[in-house]
Amino acid sequence: MSDLTSIPTRTIQVPLDATLWYCTRCNAVISIHSAHAVAEAFCPACLQVPLEFCGTFGGIPGVQVGNA
């Protein structure tokens, strides 16, 4: 037997906005999941190239989102 007690852990689920962006220079398609609205984004591949906003989506089922 163990003397350790189990403490329930709770994680707070923050609803994320999912947006889709396109780079006209390298043709990259990038999705950004953020708790705050994103007004402008830059291509992580081209560096400092503004991305073109394509729209929003509800997310991909089964995919977990991490912090960037």
Protein backbone atom coordinates (compact mmCIF):
# COMPACT_ATOMS: atom_id res chain seq x y z
CA MET A 1 0.00 0.00 0.00
CA SER A 2 1.00 3.55 -0.55
CA ASP A 3 0.58 6.55 1.72
CA LEU A 4 0.40 8.87 -1.28
CA THR A 5 -2.91 10.53 -1.87
CA SER A 6 -4.17 11.47 -5.26
CA ILE A 7 -4.79 15.17 -5.80
CA PRO A 8 -7.11 15.93 -8.70
CA THR A 9 -5.57 18.29 -11.21
CA ARG A 10 -7.63 20.63 -13.30
CA THR A 11 -6.58 22.38 -16.43
CA ILE A 12 -8.38 25.45 -17.64
CA GLN A 13 -9.51 25.14 -21.23
CA VAL A 14 -9.31 28.51 -22.97
CA PRO A 15 -11.22 28.68 -26.26
CA LEU A 16 -8.77 29.26 -29.09
CA ASP A 17 -9.34 31.21 -32.29
CA ALA A 18 -8.05 29.22 -35.25
CA THR A 19 -7.01 31.24 -38.30
CA LEU A 20 -5.47 30.24 -41.60
CA TRP A 21 -2.74 32.31 -43.31
CA TYR A 22 -0.89 32.10 -46.65
CA CYS A 23 2.60 33.31 -47.64
CA THR A 24 2.72 34.66 -51.19
CA ARG A 25 6.52 34.37 -51.29
CA CYS A 26 7.12 30.72 -50.34
CA ASN A 27 3.53 29.37 -50.70
CA ALA A 28 3.44 28.24 -47.06
CA VAL A 29 0.04 27.70 -45.45
CA ILE A 30 0.09 28.40 -41.72
CA SER A 31 -2.57 27.93 -39.06
CA ILE A 32 -2.45 30.02 -35.91
CA HIS A 33 -4.33 28.98 -32.77
CA SER A 34 -4.50 31.82 -30.27
CA ALA A 35 -6.55 32.86 -27.26
CA HIS A 36 -6.52 36.41 -28.66
CA ALA A 37 -7.44 37.63 -32.14
CA VAL A 38 -4.46 37.87 -34.49
CA ALA A 39 -4.53 40.99 -36.68
CA GLU A 40 -1.23 40.52 -38.50
CA ALA A 41 1.16 37.58 -38.85
CA PHE A 42 4.56 37.06 -40.44
CA CYS A 43 5.88 33.99 -42.24
CA PRO A 44 8.10 31.86 -39.97
CA ALA A 45 9.93 30.48 -43.04
CA CYS A 46 10.60 33.71 -44.94
CA LEU A 47 11.00 35.90 -41.86
CA GLN A 48 9.40 39.32 -41.83
CA VAL A 49 7.13 38.65 -44.84
CA PRO A 50 3.50 39.52 -43.94
CA LEU A 51 1.03 36.68 -44.36
CA GLU A 52 -2.26 36.93 -46.23
CA PHE A 53 -5.30 36.16 -44.07
CA CYS A 54 -7.40 33.31 -45.54
CA GLY A 55 -10.09 32.84 -42.88
CA THR A 56 -11.02 31.06 -39.68
CA PHE A 57 -11.84 27.46 -38.91
CA GLY A 58 -12.97 25.42 -35.94
CA GLY A 59 -9.76 23.43 -35.52
CA ILE A 60 -8.73 19.91 -36.40
CA PRO A 61 -10.29 17.16 -34.25
CA GLY A 62 -7.76 15.10 -32.32
CA VAL A 63 -4.92 17.58 -32.71
CA GLN A 64 -3.56 19.11 -29.54
CA VAL A 65 -2.32 22.66 -29.65
CA GLY A 66 0.88 23.70 -27.90
CA ASN A 67 2.34 27.07 -27.05
CA ALA A 68 4.44 28.71 -29.72
